[in-house]
Every structure is written in C-alpha cells, then in structure tokens.
C-alpha atoms as a PDB file:
ATOM      1  CA  MET A   1      -0.007  -0.004   0.016  1.00  0.00           C
ATOM      2  CA  ILE A   2       1.407   3.410  -0.953  1.00  0.00           C
ATOM      3  CA  GLU A   3       1.402   5.677   2.046  1.00  0.00           C
ATOM      4  CA  THR A   4      -0.104   9.120   1.775  1.00  0.00           C
ATOM      5  CA  PRO A   5       0.157  12.068   1.700  1.00  0.00           C
ATOM      6  CA  TYR A   6       2.478  12.652  -1.247  1.00  0.00           C
ATOM      7  CA  LEU A   7       5.120  15.145  -2.223  1.00  0.00           C
ATOM      8  CA  LEU A   8       4.780  15.483  -6.015  1.00  0.00           C
ATOM      9  CA  PHE A   9       8.121  15.455  -7.833  1.00  0.00           C
ATOM     10  CA  LEU A  10       8.058  17.342 -11.101  1.00  0.00           C
ATOM     11  CA  GLY A  11      11.740  17.143 -11.800  1.00  0.00           C
ATOM     12  CA  ASP A  12      12.689  18.992 -14.999  1.00  0.00           C
ATOM     13  CA  ALA A  13       9.396  18.404 -16.781  1.00  0.00           C
ATOM     14  CA  PRO A  14       9.433  20.611 -19.894  1.00  0.00           C
ATOM     15  CA  ASP A  15       5.739  21.481 -19.761  1.00  0.00           C
ATOM     16  CA  MET A  16       2.461  20.736 -18.013  1.00  0.00           C
ATOM     17  CA  LEU A  17       1.591  17.779 -20.246  1.00  0.00           C
ATOM     18  CA  ALA A  18       4.728  16.033 -19.096  1.00  0.00           C
ATOM     19  CA  ALA A  19       3.513  16.446 -15.503  1.00  0.00           C
ATOM     20  CA  LYS A  20       0.156  14.808 -16.108  1.00  0.00           C
ATOM     21  CA  VAL A  21       0.603  12.189 -13.346  1.00  0.00           C
ATOM     22  CA  ALA A  22       1.018  14.885 -10.742  1.00  0.00           C
ATOM     23  CA  ILE A  23      -1.786  16.959 -12.238  1.00  0.00           C
ATOM     24  CA  GLY A  24      -4.160  14.028 -11.985  1.00  0.00           C
ATOM     25  CA  ILE A  25      -3.348  13.499  -8.320  1.00  0.00           C
ATOM     26  CA  ARG A  26      -3.702  17.205  -7.610  1.00  0.00           C
ATOM     27  CA  ASP A  27      -7.099  17.399  -9.284  1.00  0.00           C
ATOM     28  CA  TRP A  28      -8.650  14.146  -8.092  1.00  0.00           C
ATOM     29  CA  ARG A  29      -6.930  13.528  -4.737  1.00  0.00           C
ATOM     30  CA  PRO A  30      -5.948  17.020  -3.536  1.00  0.00           C
ATOM     31  CA  ASP A  31      -5.962  15.786   0.079  1.00  0.00           C
ATOM     32  CA  HIS A  32      -3.047  13.505  -0.876  1.00  0.00           C
ATOM     33  CA  ALA A  33      -0.869  16.327  -2.251  1.00  0.00           C
ATOM     34  CA  VAL A  34       1.223  18.177   0.370  1.00  0.00           C
ATOM     35  CA  GLY A  35       3.196  20.178  -2.197  1.00  0.00           C
ATOM     36  CA  GLN A  36       5.484  19.988  -5.211  1.00  0.00           C
ATOM     37  CA  ILE A  37       9.249  19.828  -5.658  1.00  0.00           C
ATOM     38  CA  ARG A  38      10.890  21.025  -8.891  1.00  0.00           C
ATOM     39  CA  LEU A  39      14.362  21.072 -10.387  1.00  0.00           C
ATOM     40  CA  GLU A  40      15.904  24.064 -12.114  1.00  0.00           C
ATOM     41  CA  GLY A  41      14.381  24.624 -15.542  1.00  0.00           C
ATOM     42  CA  CYS A  42      11.139  22.847 -14.803  1.00  0.00           C
ATOM     43  CA  GLY A  43       8.417  24.083 -17.120  1.00  0.00           C
ATOM     44  CA  ALA A  44       5.506  22.718 -15.070  1.00  0.00           C
ATOM     45  CA  ASP A  45       3.809  24.302 -12.087  1.00  0.00           C
ATOM     46  CA  LEU A  46       0.803  22.740 -10.335  1.00  0.00           C
ATOM     47  CA  GLY A  47       0.102  25.848  -8.277  1.00  0.00           C
ATOM     48  CA  LEU A  48       0.958  23.900  -5.133  1.00  0.00           C
ATOM     49  CA  THR A  49       3.487  25.063  -2.580  1.00  0.00           C
ATOM     50  CA  ASP A  50       7.092  24.539  -3.667  1.00  0.00           C
ATOM     51  CA  MET A  51       8.756  22.606  -0.896  1.00  0.00           C
ATOM     52  CA  THR A  52      12.118  21.117  -0.044  1.00  0.00           C
ATOM     53  CA  LEU A  53      12.214  17.490   1.018  1.00  0.00           C
ATOM     54  CA  ALA A  54      12.651  18.645   4.588  1.00  0.00           C
ATOM     55  CA  GLU A  55       9.725  21.040   4.480  1.00  0.00           C
ATOM     56  CA  ALA A  56       7.430  18.417   3.008  1.00  0.00           C
ATOM     57  CA  LYS A  57       8.538  15.848   5.572  1.00  0.00           C
ATOM     58  CA  GLU A  58       7.708  18.317   8.310  1.00  0.00           C
ATOM     59  CA  ALA A  59       4.251  18.811   6.676  1.00  0.00           C
ATOM     60  CA  GLY A  60       3.615  15.076   6.867  1.00  0.00           C
ATOM     61  CA  ALA A  61       4.558  13.806   3.405  1.00  0.00           C
ATOM     62  CA  LYS A  62       5.390  10.098   3.409  1.00  0.00           C
ATOM     63  CA  THR A  63       5.863   9.215  -0.246  1.00  0.00           C
ATOM     64  CA  LEU A  64       7.687  11.087  -3.003  1.00  0.00           C
ATOM     65  CA  VAL A  65       5.667  10.445  -6.169  1.00  0.00           C
ATOM     66  CA  ILE A  66       7.378  10.887  -9.475  1.00  0.00           C
ATOM     67  CA  GLY A  67       4.674  12.951 -11.178  1.00  0.00           C
ATOM     68  CA  VAL A  68       6.266  13.061 -14.619  1.00  0.00           C
ATOM     69  CA  ALA A  69       5.296  10.922 -17.613  1.00  0.00           C
ATOM     70  CA  ASN A  70       8.076  11.572 -20.090  1.00  0.00           C
ATOM     71  CA  ARG A  71       8.470   9.964 -23.517  1.00  0.00           C
ATOM     72  CA  GLY A  72       9.790   6.455 -22.937  1.00  0.00           C
ATOM     73  CA  GLY A  73       9.256   6.606 -19.161  1.00  0.00           C
ATOM     74  CA  VAL A  74      12.897   7.230 -18.202  1.00  0.00           C
ATOM     75  CA  ILE A  75      14.328   8.066 -14.770  1.00  0.00           C
ATOM     76  CA  SER A  76      16.620  10.917 -15.567  1.00  0.00           C
ATOM     77  CA  ALA A  77      20.120  11.042 -14.091  1.00  0.00           C
ATOM     78  CA  ALA A  78      19.369  14.632 -13.058  1.00  0.00           C
ATOM     79  CA  TRP A  79      16.659  13.307 -10.682  1.00  0.00           C
ATOM     80  CA  LYS A  80      18.832  10.781  -8.863  1.00  0.00           C
ATOM     81  CA  GLU A  81      20.328  13.146  -6.278  1.00  0.00           C
ATOM     82  CA  VAL A  82      16.844  14.139  -5.045  1.00  0.00           C
ATOM     83  CA  LEU A  83      15.513  10.569  -5.099  1.00  0.00           C
ATOM     84  CA  VAL A  84      18.437   9.165  -3.123  1.00  0.00           C
ATOM     85  CA  GLN A  85      18.231  12.066  -0.649  1.00  0.00           C
ATOM     86  CA  ALA A  86      14.503  11.405  -0.202  1.00  0.00           C
ATOM     87  CA  LEU A  87      15.143   7.774   0.693  1.00  0.00           C
ATOM     88  CA  GLU A  88      17.877   8.858   3.140  1.00  0.00           C
ATOM     89  CA  MET A  89      15.297  11.107   4.835  1.00  0.00           C
ATOM     90  CA  GLY A  90      12.799   8.285   5.268  1.00  0.00           C
ATOM     91  CA  TYR A  91      10.535   8.766   2.222  1.00  0.00           C
ATOM     92  CA  ASP A  92       9.112   5.988   0.168  1.00  0.00           C
ATOM     93  CA  ILE A  93       9.129   6.585  -3.597  1.00  0.00           C
ATOM     94  CA  ALA A  94       6.372   5.707  -6.062  1.00  0.00           C
ATOM     95  CA  SER A  95       6.745   5.794  -9.830  1.00  0.00           C
ATOM     96  CA  GLY A  96       4.705   4.852 -12.846  1.00  0.00           C
ATOM     97  CA  LEU A  97       7.576   5.093 -15.338  1.00  0.00           C
ATOM     98  CA  HIS A  98       8.645   2.253 -17.573  1.00  0.00           C
ATOM     99  CA  ASN A  99      12.174   2.697 -16.183  1.00  0.00           C
ATOM    100  CA  LEU A 100      11.643   0.835 -12.912  1.00  0.00           C
ATOM    101  CA  LEU A 101      12.857   2.052  -9.535  1.00  0.00           C
ATOM    102  CA  ARG A 102      13.817  -1.481  -8.602  1.00  0.00           C
ATOM    103  CA  ASP A 103      16.238  -1.647 -11.533  1.00  0.00           C
ATOM    104  CA  GLU A 104      18.226   1.312 -10.281  1.00  0.00           C
ATOM    105  CA  GLY A 105      20.990  -0.018  -8.019  1.00  0.00           C
ATOM    106  CA  ASP A 106      21.664   3.212  -6.166  1.00  0.00           C
ATOM    107  CA  LEU A 107      17.970   3.605  -5.321  1.00  0.00           C
ATOM    108  CA  VAL A 108      17.628  -0.006  -4.196  1.00  0.00           C
ATOM    109  CA  ALA A 109      20.707   0.353  -2.011  1.00  0.00           C
ATOM    110  CA  ALA A 110      19.412   3.557  -0.419  1.00  0.00           C
ATOM    111  CA  ALA A 111      16.000   2.007   0.183  1.00  0.00           C
ATOM    112  CA  GLN A 112      17.511  -1.032   1.829  1.00  0.00           C
ATOM    113  CA  THR A 113      19.824   1.040   3.970  1.00  0.00           C
ATOM    114  CA  HIS A 114      17.197   3.488   5.193  1.00  0.00           C
ATOM    115  CA  GLY A 115      14.125   1.257   5.245  1.00  0.00           C
ATOM    116  CA  GLY A 116      12.251   2.889   2.391  1.00  0.00           C
ATOM    117  CA  THR A 117       9.945   1.196  -0.065  1.00  0.00           C
ATOM    118  CA  LEU A 118      10.115   1.557  -3.832  1.00  0.00           C
ATOM    119  CA  HIS A 119       6.685   1.340  -5.479  1.00  0.00           C
ATOM    120  CA  ASP A 120       6.707   0.585  -9.201  1.00  0.00           C
ATOM    121  CA  VAL A 121       3.048   0.902 -10.104  1.00  0.00           C
ATOM    122  CA  ARG A 122       3.617   0.157 -13.777  1.00  0.00           C
ATOM    123  CA  VAL A 123       4.430  -3.513 -13.097  1.00  0.00           C
ATOM    124  CA  PRO A 124       1.683  -6.084 -13.786  1.00  0.00           C
ATOM    125  CA  THR A 125       0.952  -8.135 -10.681  1.00  0.00           C
ATOM    126  CA  VAL A 126      -1.389 -10.688 -12.271  1.00  0.00           C
ATOM    127  CA  GLY A 127      -0.880 -13.390 -14.889  1.00  0.00           C
ATOM    128  CA  TYR A 128      -3.508 -12.034 -17.283  1.00  0.00           C
ATOM    129  CA  PRO A 129      -5.275 -14.376 -19.727  1.00  0.00           C
ATOM    130  CA  ILE A 130      -5.492 -14.054 -23.459  1.00  0.00           C
ATOM    131  CA  ALA A 131      -8.785 -12.369 -24.456  1.00  0.00           C
ATOM    132  CA  ASN A 132     -11.577 -14.676 -25.430  1.00  0.00           C
ATOM    133  CA  GLY A 133     -14.279 -12.189 -26.476  1.00  0.00           C
ATOM    134  CA  VAL A 134     -16.973 -13.921 -24.458  1.00  0.00           C
ATOM    135  CA  ASN A 135     -19.864 -11.527 -23.697  1.00  0.00           C
ATOM    136  CA  ARG A 136     -19.876 -10.235 -20.103  1.00  0.00           C
ATOM    137  CA  THR A 137     -22.790  -9.018 -18.048  1.00  0.00           C
ATOM    138  CA  GLY A 138     -22.897  -5.389 -16.936  1.00  0.00           C
ATOM    139  CA  LYS A 139     -22.165  -2.274 -19.011  1.00  0.00           C
ATOM    140  CA  ARG A 140     -18.954  -0.554 -20.033  1.00  0.00           C
ATOM    141  CA  CYS A 141     -18.051   2.913 -21.236  1.00  0.00           C
ATOM    142  CA  LEU A 142     -14.705   3.639 -22.856  1.00  0.00           C
ATOM    143  CA  ALA A 143     -13.125   7.011 -23.597  1.00  0.00           C
ATOM    144  CA  VAL A 144     -11.246   7.147 -26.917  1.00  0.00           C
ATOM    145  CA  GLY A 145      -9.240  10.141 -28.086  1.00  0.00           C
ATOM    146  CA  THR A 146      -7.958  11.956 -31.108  1.00  0.00           C
ATOM    147  CA  ASP A 147      -4.560  12.019 -29.371  1.00  0.00           C
ATOM    148  CA  CYS A 148      -2.734  11.113 -26.160  1.00  0.00           C
ATOM    149  CA  SER A 149      -3.310  13.241 -23.051  1.00  0.00           C
ATOM    150  CA  VAL A 150      -6.534  14.858 -24.217  1.00  0.00           C
ATOM    151  CA  GLY A 151      -8.650  14.078 -21.138  1.00  0.00           C
ATOM    152  CA  LYS A 152      -9.697  10.401 -21.402  1.00  0.00           C
ATOM    153  CA  MET A 153      -8.894   9.662 -17.754  1.00  0.00           C
ATOM    154  CA  TYR A 154     -10.563  12.885 -16.549  1.00  0.00           C
ATOM    155  CA  THR A 155     -13.651  12.006 -18.565  1.00  0.00           C
ATOM    156  CA  ALA A 156     -13.963   8.573 -16.989  1.00  0.00           C
ATOM    157  CA  LEU A 157     -13.296   9.928 -13.496  1.00  0.00           C
ATOM    158  CA  ALA A 158     -15.819  12.706 -13.916  1.00  0.00           C
ATOM    159  CA  MET A 159     -18.515  10.373 -15.234  1.00  0.00           C
ATOM    160  CA  ASP A 160     -17.868   7.884 -12.412  1.00  0.00           C
ATOM    161  CA  ALA A 161     -18.133  10.689  -9.845  1.00  0.00           C
ATOM    162  CA  GLU A 162     -21.392  11.863 -11.383  1.00  0.00           C
ATOM    163  CA  MET A 163     -22.768   8.330 -11.349  1.00  0.00           C
ATOM    164  CA  GLN A 164     -21.757   7.903  -7.702  1.00  0.00           C
ATOM    165  CA  GLN A 165     -23.432  11.205  -6.790  1.00  0.00           C
ATOM    166  CA  ARG A 166     -26.664  10.018  -8.396  1.00  0.00           C
ATOM    167  CA  GLY A 167     -26.544   6.776  -6.441  1.00  0.00           C
ATOM    168  CA  LEU A 168     -25.983   4.707  -9.571  1.00  0.00           C
ATOM    169  CA  LYS A 169     -23.670   1.718  -9.896  1.00  0.00           C
ATOM    170  CA  SER A 170     -20.328   2.661 -11.342  1.00  0.00           C
ATOM    171  CA  THR A 171     -16.651   1.772 -11.020  1.00  0.00           C
ATOM    172  CA  PHE A 172     -13.704   3.705 -12.464  1.00  0.00           C
ATOM    173  CA  ARG A 173     -11.315   1.204 -14.017  1.00  0.00           C
ATOM    174  CA  ALA A 174      -7.741   2.539 -14.053  1.00  0.00           C
ATOM    175  CA  THR A 175      -5.491   1.404 -16.904  1.00  0.00           C
ATOM    176  CA  GLY A 176      -2.485   3.689 -16.428  1.00  0.00           C
ATOM    177  CA  GLN A 177      -0.098   4.831 -13.708  1.00  0.00           C
ATOM    178  CA  THR A 178      -1.942   8.011 -12.853  1.00  0.00           C
ATOM    179  CA  GLY A 179      -5.283   6.314 -12.451  1.00  0.00           C
ATOM    180  CA  ILE A 180      -3.656   3.615 -10.318  1.00  0.00           C
ATOM    181  CA  LEU A 181      -2.029   6.218  -8.070  1.00  0.00           C
ATOM    182  CA  ILE A 182      -5.366   8.050  -7.759  1.00  0.00           C
ATOM    183  CA  THR A 183      -7.531   5.015  -6.952  1.00  0.00           C
ATOM    184  CA  GLY A 184      -5.041   2.499  -5.595  1.00  0.00           C
ATOM    185  CA  HIS A 185      -5.844  -0.265  -8.082  1.00  0.00           C
ATOM    186  CA  GLY A 186      -6.025  -1.066 -11.784  1.00  0.00           C
ATOM    187  CA  VAL A 187      -4.019  -2.556 -14.636  1.00  0.00           C
ATOM    188  CA  PRO A 188      -0.849  -0.851 -15.979  1.00  0.00           C
ATOM    189  CA  LEU A 189      -1.931  -1.786 -19.472  1.00  0.00           C
ATOM    190  CA  ASP A 190       0.996  -0.509 -21.496  1.00  0.00           C
ATOM    191  CA  ALA A 191       3.330  -2.685 -19.403  1.00  0.00           C
ATOM    192  CA  VAL A 192       1.406  -5.889 -20.139  1.00  0.00           C
ATOM    193  CA  VAL A 193       2.853  -8.207 -22.826  1.00  0.00           C
ATOM    194  CA  ALA A 194       1.042  -7.378 -26.067  1.00  0.00           C
ATOM    195  CA  ASP A 195      -0.707 -10.748 -26.487  1.00  0.00           C
ATOM    196  CA  PHE A 196      -2.278 -10.368 -23.057  1.00  0.00           C
ATOM    197  CA  MET A 197      -3.388  -6.695 -23.154  1.00  0.00           C
ATOM    198  CA  ALA A 198      -6.952  -7.280 -24.310  1.00  0.00           C
ATOM    199  CA  GLY A 199      -7.254 -10.150 -21.846  1.00  0.00           C
ATOM    200  CA  ALA A 200      -6.115  -7.845 -19.049  1.00  0.00           C
ATOM    201  CA  VAL A 201      -8.918  -5.464 -19.921  1.00  0.00           C
ATOM    202  CA  GLU A 202     -11.372  -8.346 -19.793  1.00  0.00           C
ATOM    203  CA  TYR A 203      -9.989  -9.253 -16.360  1.00  0.00           C
ATOM    204  CA  LEU A 204     -10.288  -5.646 -15.221  1.00  0.00           C
ATOM    205  CA  THR A 205     -13.925  -5.370 -16.285  1.00  0.00           C
ATOM    206  CA  PRO A 206     -15.562  -8.681 -15.279  1.00  0.00           C
ATOM    207  CA  ASN A 207     -19.180  -9.764 -15.147  1.00  0.00           C
ATOM    208  CA  ASN A 208     -21.310  -7.397 -13.129  1.00  0.00           C
ATOM    209  CA  ASP A 209     -24.882  -6.365 -12.391  1.00  0.00           C
ATOM    210  CA  ASP A 210     -26.917  -5.498 -15.479  1.00  0.00           C
ATOM    211  CA  ASP A 211     -27.239  -1.905 -14.327  1.00  0.00           C
ATOM    212  CA  HIS A 212     -23.585  -1.444 -13.348  1.00  0.00           C
ATOM    213  CA  TRP A 213     -21.254   0.664 -15.500  1.00  0.00           C
ATOM    214  CA  ASP A 214     -17.497   0.313 -15.702  1.00  0.00           C
ATOM    215  CA  MET A 215     -15.903   3.632 -16.663  1.00  0.00           C
ATOM    216  CA  ILE A 216     -12.778   2.481 -18.454  1.00  0.00           C
ATOM    217  CA  GLU A 217      -9.792   4.846 -18.517  1.00  0.00           C
ATOM    218  CA  GLY A 218      -8.676   5.286 -22.116  1.00  0.00           C
ATOM    219  CA  GLN A 219      -5.054   5.169 -23.278  1.00  0.00           C
ATOM    220  CA  GLY A 220      -3.229   6.471 -26.334  1.00  0.00           C
ATOM    221  CA  SER A 221      -5.101   6.938 -29.595  1.00  0.00           C
ATOM    222  CA  LEU A 222      -5.914   4.744 -32.542  1.00  0.00           C
ATOM    223  CA  PHE A 223      -4.305   7.445 -34.665  1.00  0.00           C
ATOM    224  CA  HIS A 224      -1.114   7.763 -32.691  1.00  0.00           C
ATOM    225  CA  ILE A 225       1.789   5.992 -34.418  1.00  0.00           C
ATOM    226  CA  SER A 226       3.532   5.315 -31.084  1.00  0.00           C
ATOM    227  CA  TYR A 227       0.666   4.184 -28.857  1.00  0.00           C
ATOM    228  CA  SER A 228      -2.189   2.845 -30.954  1.00  0.00           C
ATOM    229  CA  GLY A 229      -1.686  -0.734 -29.797  1.00  0.00           C
ATOM    230  CA  VAL A 230      -2.742  -0.126 -26.229  1.00  0.00           C
ATOM    231  CA  THR A 231      -5.858   1.691 -27.482  1.00  0.00           C
ATOM    232  CA  MET A 232      -6.833  -1.246 -29.662  1.00  0.00           C
ATOM    233  CA  ALA A 233      -6.574  -3.609 -26.689  1.00  0.00           C
ATOM    234  CA  LEU A 234      -9.022  -1.421 -24.780  1.00  0.00           C
ATOM    235  CA  VAL A 235     -11.453  -1.212 -27.692  1.00  0.00           C
ATOM    236  CA  HIS A 236     -11.649  -4.978 -28.083  1.00  0.00           C
ATOM    237  CA  GLY A 237     -11.007  -6.165 -24.533  1.00  0.00           C
ATOM    238  CA  GLY A 238     -13.358  -3.589 -23.031  1.00  0.00           C
ATOM    239  CA  GLN A 239     -16.346  -4.692 -25.078  1.00  0.00           C
ATOM    240  CA  PRO A 240     -17.730  -1.191 -24.573  1.00  0.00           C
ATOM    241  CA  ASP A 241     -21.446  -0.500 -24.765  1.00  0.00           C
ATOM    242  CA  ALA A 242     -20.714   3.208 -25.134  1.00  0.00           C
ATOM    243  CA  LEU A 243     -17.829   5.293 -26.487  1.00  0.00           C
ATOM    244  CA  ILE A 244     -17.036   8.867 -25.501  1.00  0.00           C
ATOM    245  CA  LEU A 245     -14.955  10.742 -28.063  1.00  0.00           C
ATOM    246  CA  CYS A 246     -12.285  12.938 -26.432  1.00  0.00           C
ATOM    247  CA  HIS A 247     -10.508  15.906 -28.048  1.00  0.00           C
ATOM    248  CA  GLU A 248      -8.280  18.843 -27.249  1.00  0.00           C
ATOM    249  CA  PRO A 249      -8.916  21.552 -29.865  1.00  0.00           C
ATOM    250  CA  THR A 250      -5.748  23.625 -29.574  1.00  0.00           C
ATOM    251  CA  ARG A 251      -3.265  20.883 -30.522  1.00  0.00           C
ATOM    252  CA  GLU A 252      -1.149  21.648 -33.607  1.00  0.00           C
ATOM    253  CA  HIS A 253       0.064  18.068 -33.980  1.00  0.00           C
ATOM    254  CA  MET A 254      -0.063  14.699 -32.291  1.00  0.00           C
ATOM    255  CA  ARG A 255       1.661  14.574 -28.915  1.00  0.00           C
ATOM    256  CA  GLY A 256       5.359  13.949 -29.554  1.00  0.00           C
ATOM    257  CA  LEU A 257       4.887  13.588 -33.323  1.00  0.00           C
ATOM    258  CA  PRO A 258       5.308  16.970 -35.061  1.00  0.00           C
ATOM    259  CA  GLY A 259       4.789  15.438 -38.516  1.00  0.00           C
ATOM    260  CA  PHE A 260       1.317  14.126 -37.753  1.00  0.00           C
ATOM    261  CA  THR A 261      -1.892  16.165 -37.479  1.00  0.00           C
ATOM    262  CA  LEU A 262      -4.860  15.165 -35.319  1.00  0.00           C
ATOM    263  CA  PRO A 263      -7.786  13.403 -36.889  1.00  0.00           C
ATOM    264  CA  SER A 264     -11.226  15.039 -36.869  1.00  0.00           C
ATOM    265  CA  LEU A 265     -13.912  13.880 -34.461  1.00  0.00           C
ATOM    266  CA  GLU A 266     -15.736  12.384 -37.428  1.00  0.00           C
ATOM    267  CA  GLN A 267     -12.654  10.348 -38.318  1.00  0.00           C
ATOM    268  CA  LEU A 268     -12.351   9.179 -34.734  1.00  0.00           C
ATOM    269  CA  ARG A 269     -16.016   8.138 -34.659  1.00  0.00           C
ATOM    270  CA  ASP A 270     -15.876   6.387 -37.979  1.00  0.00           C
ATOM    271  CA  THR A 271     -12.715   4.455 -37.046  1.00  0.00           C
ATOM    272  CA  ALA A 272     -13.325   3.584 -33.368  1.00  0.00           C
ATOM    273  CA  LEU A 273     -16.992   2.532 -33.638  1.00  0.00           C
ATOM    274  CA  PRO A 274     -16.657  -0.265 -36.223  1.00  0.00           C
ATOM    275  CA  LEU A 275     -13.706  -1.665 -34.296  1.00  0.00           C
ATOM    276  CA  ALA A 276     -15.639  -1.577 -31.031  1.00  0.00           C
ATOM    277  CA  GLN A 277     -18.582  -3.282 -32.683  1.00  0.00           C
ATOM    278  CA  LYS A 278     -16.418  -6.264 -33.476  1.00  0.00           C
ATOM    279  CA  SER A 279     -16.494  -7.219 -29.773  1.00  0.00           C
ATOM    280  CA  ASN A 280     -19.862  -5.625 -28.985  1.00  0.00           C
ATOM    281  CA  PRO A 281     -22.204  -5.089 -31.982  1.00  0.00           C
ATOM    282  CA  ALA A 282     -24.497  -2.950 -29.814  1.00  0.00           C
ATOM    283  CA  CYS A 283     -21.798  -0.341 -29.050  1.00  0.00           C
ATOM    284  CA  LYS A 284     -22.722   3.311 -29.710  1.00  0.00           C
ATOM    285  CA  VAL A 285     -20.948   6.656 -29.628  1.00  0.00           C
ATOM    286  CA  VAL A 286     -22.961   8.601 -27.084  1.00  0.00           C
ATOM    287  CA  GLY A 287     -21.108  11.815 -26.401  1.00  0.00           C
ATOM    288  CA  ILE A 288     -18.085  14.016 -26.848  1.00  0.00           C
ATOM    289  CA  SER A 289     -15.688  15.238 -24.173  1.00  0.00           C
ATOM    290  CA  VAL A 290     -13.641  18.309 -25.024  1.00  0.00           C
ATOM    291  CA  ASN A 291     -10.652  19.423 -22.977  1.00  0.00           C
ATOM    292  CA  THR A 292     -11.112  23.243 -23.026  1.00  0.00           C
ATOM    293  CA  GLN A 293      -8.433  24.138 -20.493  1.00  0.00           C
ATOM    294  CA  HIS A 294      -6.654  26.369 -23.022  1.00  0.00           C
ATOM    295  CA  LEU A 295      -9.864  28.238 -24.023  1.00  0.00           C
ATOM    296  CA  SER A 296     -11.610  31.050 -22.241  1.00  0.00           C
ATOM    297  CA  GLU A 297     -15.079  30.366 -20.860  1.00  0.00           C
ATOM    298  CA  ASP A 298     -16.738  32.128 -23.813  1.00  0.00           C
ATOM    299  CA  GLU A 299     -14.489  30.325 -26.300  1.00  0.00           C
ATOM    300  CA  ALA A 300     -15.232  26.984 -24.634  1.00  0.00           C
ATOM    301  CA  VAL A 301     -18.989  27.480 -24.693  1.00  0.00           C
ATOM    302  CA  THR A 302     -18.944  28.552 -28.353  1.00  0.00           C
ATOM    303  CA  TYR A 303     -16.692  25.665 -29.381  1.00  0.00           C
ATOM    304  CA  LEU A 304     -18.801  23.065 -27.522  1.00  0.00           C
ATOM    305  CA  ALA A 305     -21.967  24.366 -29.196  1.00  0.00           C
ATOM    306  CA  GLN A 306     -20.352  24.112 -32.613  1.00  0.00           C
ATOM    307  CA  VAL A 307     -19.194  20.551 -32.009  1.00  0.00           C
ATOM    308  CA  GLU A 308     -22.585  19.497 -30.683  1.00  0.00           C
ATOM    309  CA  GLU A 309     -24.376  20.914 -33.745  1.00  0.00           C
ATOM    310  CA  LYS A 310     -21.891  19.317 -36.130  1.00  0.00           C
ATOM    311  CA  MET A 311     -21.797  15.868 -34.474  1.00  0.00           C
ATOM    312  CA  GLY A 312     -25.373  15.610 -33.216  1.00  0.00           C
ATOM    313  CA  LEU A 313     -24.188  14.462 -29.774  1.00  0.00           C
ATOM    314  CA  PRO A 314     -23.832  16.130 -26.369  1.00  0.00           C
ATOM    315  CA  ALA A 315     -20.489  17.884 -26.236  1.00  0.00           C
ATOM    316  CA  VAL A 316     -19.155  18.971 -22.857  1.00  0.00           C
ATOM    317  CA  ASP A 317     -16.017  19.591 -20.888  1.00  0.00           C
ATOM    318  CA  PRO A 318     -16.795  17.229 -17.984  1.00  0.00           C
ATOM    319  CA  TYR A 319     -14.090  18.633 -15.706  1.00  0.00           C
ATOM    320  CA  ARG A 320     -15.049  22.276 -16.327  1.00  0.00           C
ATOM    321  CA  HIS A 321     -18.808  22.006 -16.628  1.00  0.00           C
ATOM    322  CA  GLY A 322     -19.657  18.616 -15.141  1.00  0.00           C
ATOM    323  CA  ALA A 323     -20.357  15.194 -16.658  1.00  0.00           C
ATOM    324  CA  GLY A 324     -24.125  15.230 -16.186  1.00  0.00           C
ATOM    325  CA  ARG A 325     -25.058  15.256 -19.838  1.00  0.00           C
ATOM    326  CA  LEU A 326     -22.679  12.425 -20.637  1.00  0.00           C
ATOM    327  CA  VAL A 327     -24.190  10.323 -17.878  1.00  0.00           C
ATOM    328  CA  ASP A 328     -27.642  11.199 -19.212  1.00  0.00           C
ATOM    329  CA  ALA A 329     -26.502   9.852 -22.598  1.00  0.00           C
ATOM    330  CA  LEU A 330     -25.551   6.534 -21.010  1.00  0.00           C
ATOM    331  CA  ALA A 331     -28.989   6.238 -19.459  1.00  0.00           C
ATOM    332  CA  ALA A 332     -30.575   6.717 -22.864  1.00  0.00           C
ATOM    333  CA  ILE A 333     -29.045   3.638 -24.480  1.00  0.00           C
END
C-alpha cells in the first residue's frame, strides 16, 4: 500500500503535459498532495506550494511520487540526487515510469539502507489471460481520443463521480499509472505483454450487475503511431457498450509527433466505432468530451456548441462544466 500524503516530484518536466501524473493526483486527490518539488528549468507548475524535502517531511509527506510521464518513461540522471536524498530522509518513492525504480542499483541500496519502499506501479501483478471475447454481463463505457493526453482519464473519473453522486452503480477502471495512483488499483496496461493486453482489460472489467457501469480509462489513440496498440486492446477487450470521443482543440500536432496532425472527431467516430462493434455489436458513440483548458469560458462554450451541432451528440467539458449530460447519454441507451 502506498502511504499518503504525497510530495509530488516534477523534476525537470518541460511542460504541463509532461507532469500529467502529478496533475491528476492534484485534481482528483488534492488531500493527498502536500506540495510539489521542482528542479531548475522545470516548465511545469501545479500551483501547489514549492517545498524542499525537509519542508514536506515536516508537513507530513510520506511518499515522493514521481509525477512526470516523459516519452519512454525514463528516470533521468538529473533526478537521482533528489531521489536518493529522499530515501535517506525516510521517504518511500512511487513511480509509474517504464524505467523501474527497482532496476536502479543506487535507489535500491538507499531504500535497503534506510528502510524505504520503492513502489513501481507500472508492473503487472497478475498473470492475465489471453482475451476470449466472451460476452460479459454489466455495461462498459470507454473514452477514446484523437490524441494522447486529451482528457480520457478525466472523462472517466468525472463520469464515475457523477454516477456515484446520483446513487448509480459505477466503477472507475484505471488502466495507467496516474489512475492507479489516484484510486489505488487497476491494470498498468502498457506494461502488459502485447498478447495479453486485451485479456487484461477483460480481467479488469468482469461480469457485473446488469445496471452497473465500468468507466474504463482510455489510453493512447488509434491514430497515434507510437501508442495505438494499447488503445486497440481497450477497444476490443473492453467490449464497450458506449464510446465517449475525447478531443483537445488547440493541438497543432499529435503529442510527440510533429509530422502528424490530429484526426477530426468524425474520423475518430468512424474508425473507433466499427472496431468496437467487433467485440460488442451494440456499441454506440454517445457523447463528446472536449478538454477546453486552453480556451476562455466564452471560447469553450462557443466551441462546444459548434461541435454539438456538427456531431449531433452532447459535447461537454466534464471537468469544467460537469459530466451530467454524458451520464444522461448513457442512461438513454
């Protein structure tokens, strides 16, 4: 069990998107976030109190969480001094990077010497089966995006929160490191061997009550050259009854791929839905989630109205304006 509260380590993250793990914890578990610690040149700022390791320890922090999701998931050499010092001061460290803490000899030695625990949350802990495509009871909603980091996790979390508030049956199903750190459970899908990814999603979303909804955290994008495989596993393994299309309208190109433009929402719909209907012929696209964080309120309202008129579906920013209309759309199918 990862002890809370956390000190969120942003390192030398170049921008806010690179700090999405820490942002997710700040937004969905603010009571777990004592403050942030940044290295020189860090381009991210959560708006939390900047603290030294000693100050955060005094404030009660127990675990230093690496809040950065960089390309390739690498533990930078520039971070090591802080990480070792944290272990020497009695912190545990939690990370969702592909570069595992337990593979770093200096961190392992410091943890053993000072009694700290290294939590690698991106390590599968179950021998997942190969997907079989057998129909499961219960209902499932999957967020799919035009790109990475457009708000798929926020959409699922917001819809789950709205369902819970209404007294309806719902479970958020985490499939990435941030979701796992927020909820304490889930499947680190992109660390599962490829043949077993769809089976891991089936395992994560088992038979349930007929009126229960699993809100499945989306990953990657079917259009992203680097990460489409994990998305495909979710589309087939999730057997979704409903798809939510997710988009961030200010992107100039795919995340990390300057030579690739984002698909339109129509392209996303027309690609994702037939693929989803292979595992669940009844699947429908029921709504659109737009990440409007870089738009003013007036710009956001205007943009959402335009998308809604064009697509003929409810279009909302569920974090900014609430997920009520998306949940209403689920009830209508």
